[in-house]
Structures are given as structure tokens and as C-alpha cells.
Amino acid sequence: MHVKFHMYRCRVCGRYTMKEVHCGQPAASAHPAKFSPQDRYAKYRQREDGEIA
């Protein structure tokens, strides 16, 4: 039997959960997106996340 679990991180409190909704808001995936050196939109995504100024 193969059981697959999805981990989520609550955007409100920062706790990890296995539920898609936590604290009344949708939870984000706890896993990072796949990395690609040819990613044309990385700088825009990093700017939105606050990683770069």
C-alpha cells in the first residue's frame, strides 16, 4: 500500500500541517519549487517574496 502525504505551511502562523486550510486561510506547499538555471522569472518572484530589494 502506497500512502502519499502532502505537507503544507500555514501562511498565517507558520506551522506545518497536512491540511490545505489552516487558520481559516489556504496553506502553502512546504516544498520548494523545482530549480532551473534558465528561470527567467526568478528575480520577479524573489522581489515579491522580499528576498531581494
Foldseek 3Di string as FASTA:
>chain_A
DDDDFFWFAAPPPRDIDRDQADPNHGTHGPDDDDDDPPDPCVVVVCVVVVVDD
